[in-house]
């Protein structure tokens, strides 16, 4: 298996962000990238919860690791995140029609 490293993924993410800002579609980017937003928020929530209360919300963060630790198979997590990504993509298309 080959995985993209930090350099490639961060530069692609930064480029997509710049394009969204140039096109004034920042909200749409957050909607379409909903899975990534949820993953990032899960990490922020985990860190804040641990710092403030000393307790963790999830077994592990980011969220996909939590699901793996509670017994979901990796393929199950992947397929469900694909479905969630498709829902967010359709939601993004719906917001384009509303404008």
C-alpha atoms as a PDB file:
ATOM      1  CA  UNK A   1       0.000   0.000   0.000  1.00  0.00           C
ATOM      2  CA  UNK A   2       1.142   3.526  -0.713  1.00  0.00           C
ATOM      3  CA  UNK A   3      -0.051   6.423   1.426  1.00  0.00           C
ATOM      4  CA  UNK A   4       0.339  10.109   0.706  1.00  0.00           C
ATOM      5  CA  UNK A   5       2.682  11.829   3.143  1.00  0.00           C
ATOM      6  CA  UNK A   6       2.205  15.059   5.042  1.00  0.00           C
ATOM      7  CA  UNK A   7       3.898  17.146   2.370  1.00  0.00           C
ATOM      8  CA  UNK A   8       1.568  15.992  -0.392  1.00  0.00           C
ATOM      9  CA  UNK A   9      -1.650  15.977   1.614  1.00  0.00           C
ATOM     10  CA  UNK A  10      -1.039  19.360   3.258  1.00  0.00           C
ATOM     11  CA  UNK A  11      -0.131  21.016  -0.047  1.00  0.00           C
ATOM     12  CA  UNK A  12      -3.221  19.591  -1.771  1.00  0.00           C
ATOM     13  CA  UNK A  13      -5.408  20.653   1.165  1.00  0.00           C
ATOM     14  CA  UNK A  14      -3.893  24.130   1.144  1.00  0.00           C
ATOM     15  CA  UNK A  15      -4.430  24.437  -2.600  1.00  0.00           C
ATOM     16  CA  UNK A  16      -8.088  23.384  -2.284  1.00  0.00           C
ATOM     17  CA  UNK A  17      -8.524  25.917   0.529  1.00  0.00           C
ATOM     18  CA  UNK A  18      -7.014  28.734  -1.537  1.00  0.00           C
ATOM     19  CA  UNK A  19      -9.258  27.879  -4.496  1.00  0.00           C
ATOM     20  CA  UNK A  20     -12.317  27.905  -2.203  1.00  0.00           C
ATOM     21  CA  UNK A  21     -11.338  31.310  -0.817  1.00  0.00           C
ATOM     22  CA  UNK A  22     -10.701  32.731  -4.303  1.00  0.00           C
ATOM     23  CA  UNK A  23     -14.124  31.485  -5.452  1.00  0.00           C
ATOM     24  CA  UNK A  24     -15.783  32.695  -2.222  1.00  0.00           C
ATOM     25  CA  UNK A  25     -17.014  29.151  -1.490  1.00  0.00           C
ATOM     26  CA  UNK A  26     -15.502  28.624   1.979  1.00  0.00           C
ATOM     27  CA  UNK A  27     -18.768  27.354   3.478  1.00  0.00           C
ATOM     28  CA  UNK A  28     -19.238  24.936   0.595  1.00  0.00           C
ATOM     29  CA  UNK A  29     -15.740  23.546   1.187  1.00  0.00           C
ATOM     30  CA  UNK A  30     -16.609  22.922   4.844  1.00  0.00           C
ATOM     31  CA  UNK A  31     -19.811  21.130   3.803  1.00  0.00           C
ATOM     32  CA  UNK A  32     -18.204  18.980   1.109  1.00  0.00           C
ATOM     33  CA  UNK A  33     -15.270  18.190   3.398  1.00  0.00           C
ATOM     34  CA  UNK A  34     -17.625  17.331   6.251  1.00  0.00           C
ATOM     35  CA  UNK A  35     -15.878  14.075   7.117  1.00  0.00           C
ATOM     36  CA  UNK A  36     -12.568  15.909   7.496  1.00  0.00           C
ATOM     37  CA  UNK A  37     -14.258  18.594   9.601  1.00  0.00           C
ATOM     38  CA  UNK A  38     -15.790  15.935  11.863  1.00  0.00           C
ATOM     39  CA  UNK A  39     -12.428  14.183  12.211  1.00  0.00           C
ATOM     40  CA  UNK A  40     -10.705  17.465  13.136  1.00  0.00           C
ATOM     41  CA  UNK A  41     -13.451  18.426  15.598  1.00  0.00           C
ATOM     42  CA  UNK A  42     -13.202  15.004  17.261  1.00  0.00           C
ATOM     43  CA  UNK A  43      -9.499  15.608  17.916  1.00  0.00           C
ATOM     44  CA  UNK A  44     -10.147  19.118  19.276  1.00  0.00           C
ATOM     45  CA  UNK A  45     -12.931  17.817  21.534  1.00  0.00           C
ATOM     46  CA  UNK A  46     -10.733  14.981  22.803  1.00  0.00           C
ATOM     47  CA  UNK A  47      -7.827  17.300  23.642  1.00  0.00           C
ATOM     48  CA  UNK A  48     -10.015  19.956  25.295  1.00  0.00           C
ATOM     49  CA  UNK A  49     -11.932  17.378  27.305  1.00  0.00           C
ATOM     50  CA  UNK A  50      -8.736  15.756  28.546  1.00  0.00           C
ATOM     51  CA  UNK A  51      -7.160  19.102  29.443  1.00  0.00           C
ATOM     52  CA  UNK A  52     -10.236  20.429  31.253  1.00  0.00           C
ATOM     53  CA  UNK A  53     -11.595  17.307  32.954  1.00  0.00           C
ATOM     54  CA  UNK A  54      -8.857  14.700  32.708  1.00  0.00           C
ATOM     55  CA  UNK A  55     -11.288  12.360  30.926  1.00  0.00           C
ATOM     56  CA  UNK A  56     -11.457  11.316  27.304  1.00  0.00           C
ATOM     57  CA  UNK A  57     -14.646  11.475  25.223  1.00  0.00           C
ATOM     58  CA  UNK A  58     -13.571   8.828  22.717  1.00  0.00           C
ATOM     59  CA  UNK A  59     -11.502   5.688  23.179  1.00  0.00           C
ATOM     60  CA  UNK A  60      -9.058   7.244  20.701  1.00  0.00           C
ATOM     61  CA  UNK A  61      -9.089  10.134  18.299  1.00  0.00           C
ATOM     62  CA  UNK A  62      -9.439  10.896  15.393  1.00  0.00           C
ATOM     63  CA  UNK A  63     -12.895   9.426  15.324  1.00  0.00           C
ATOM     64  CA  UNK A  64     -12.158   6.605  12.867  1.00  0.00           C
ATOM     65  CA  UNK A  65      -9.680   5.106  15.361  1.00  0.00           C
ATOM     66  CA  UNK A  66     -12.376   5.197  18.050  1.00  0.00           C
ATOM     67  CA  UNK A  67     -14.674   3.134  15.851  1.00  0.00           C
ATOM     68  CA  UNK A  68     -11.887   0.617  15.202  1.00  0.00           C
ATOM     69  CA  UNK A  69     -11.182   0.281  18.937  1.00  0.00           C
ATOM     70  CA  UNK A  70     -14.844  -0.332  19.790  1.00  0.00           C
ATOM     71  CA  UNK A  71     -14.906  -3.267  17.390  1.00  0.00           C
ATOM     72  CA  UNK A  72     -15.754  -2.019  13.913  1.00  0.00           C
ATOM     73  CA  UNK A  73     -13.708  -3.582  11.134  1.00  0.00           C
ATOM     74  CA  UNK A  74     -11.543  -1.209   9.112  1.00  0.00           C
ATOM     75  CA  UNK A  75     -13.588  -1.888   5.965  1.00  0.00           C
ATOM     76  CA  UNK A  76     -16.819  -1.048   7.823  1.00  0.00           C
ATOM     77  CA  UNK A  77     -15.394   2.284   8.951  1.00  0.00           C
ATOM     78  CA  UNK A  78     -14.206   3.053   5.419  1.00  0.00           C
ATOM     79  CA  UNK A  79     -17.527   2.220   3.761  1.00  0.00           C
ATOM     80  CA  UNK A  80     -19.516   4.235   6.312  1.00  0.00           C
ATOM     81  CA  UNK A  81     -17.212   7.217   5.880  1.00  0.00           C
ATOM     82  CA  UNK A  82     -17.630   6.888   2.085  1.00  0.00           C
ATOM     83  CA  UNK A  83     -21.397   6.989   2.534  1.00  0.00           C
ATOM     84  CA  UNK A  84     -21.084  10.006   4.826  1.00  0.00           C
ATOM     85  CA  UNK A  85     -18.817  11.693   2.255  1.00  0.00           C
ATOM     86  CA  UNK A  86     -21.407  11.075  -0.471  1.00  0.00           C
ATOM     87  CA  UNK A  87     -24.112  12.602   1.735  1.00  0.00           C
ATOM     88  CA  UNK A  88     -21.945  15.676   2.349  1.00  0.00           C
ATOM     89  CA  UNK A  89     -21.204  15.945  -1.393  1.00  0.00           C
ATOM     90  CA  UNK A  90     -24.929  15.842  -2.185  1.00  0.00           C
ATOM     91  CA  UNK A  91     -25.531  18.441   0.515  1.00  0.00           C
ATOM     92  CA  UNK A  92     -22.874  20.611  -1.139  1.00  0.00           C
ATOM     93  CA  UNK A  93     -24.597  20.254  -4.504  1.00  0.00           C
ATOM     94  CA  UNK A  94     -27.908  21.172  -2.868  1.00  0.00           C
ATOM     95  CA  UNK A  95     -26.406  24.369  -1.440  1.00  0.00           C
ATOM     96  CA  UNK A  96     -25.266  25.349  -4.935  1.00  0.00           C
ATOM     97  CA  UNK A  97     -28.869  25.113  -6.131  1.00  0.00           C
ATOM     98  CA  UNK A  98     -30.034  27.322  -3.249  1.00  0.00           C
ATOM     99  CA  UNK A  99     -27.727  30.180  -4.192  1.00  0.00           C
END
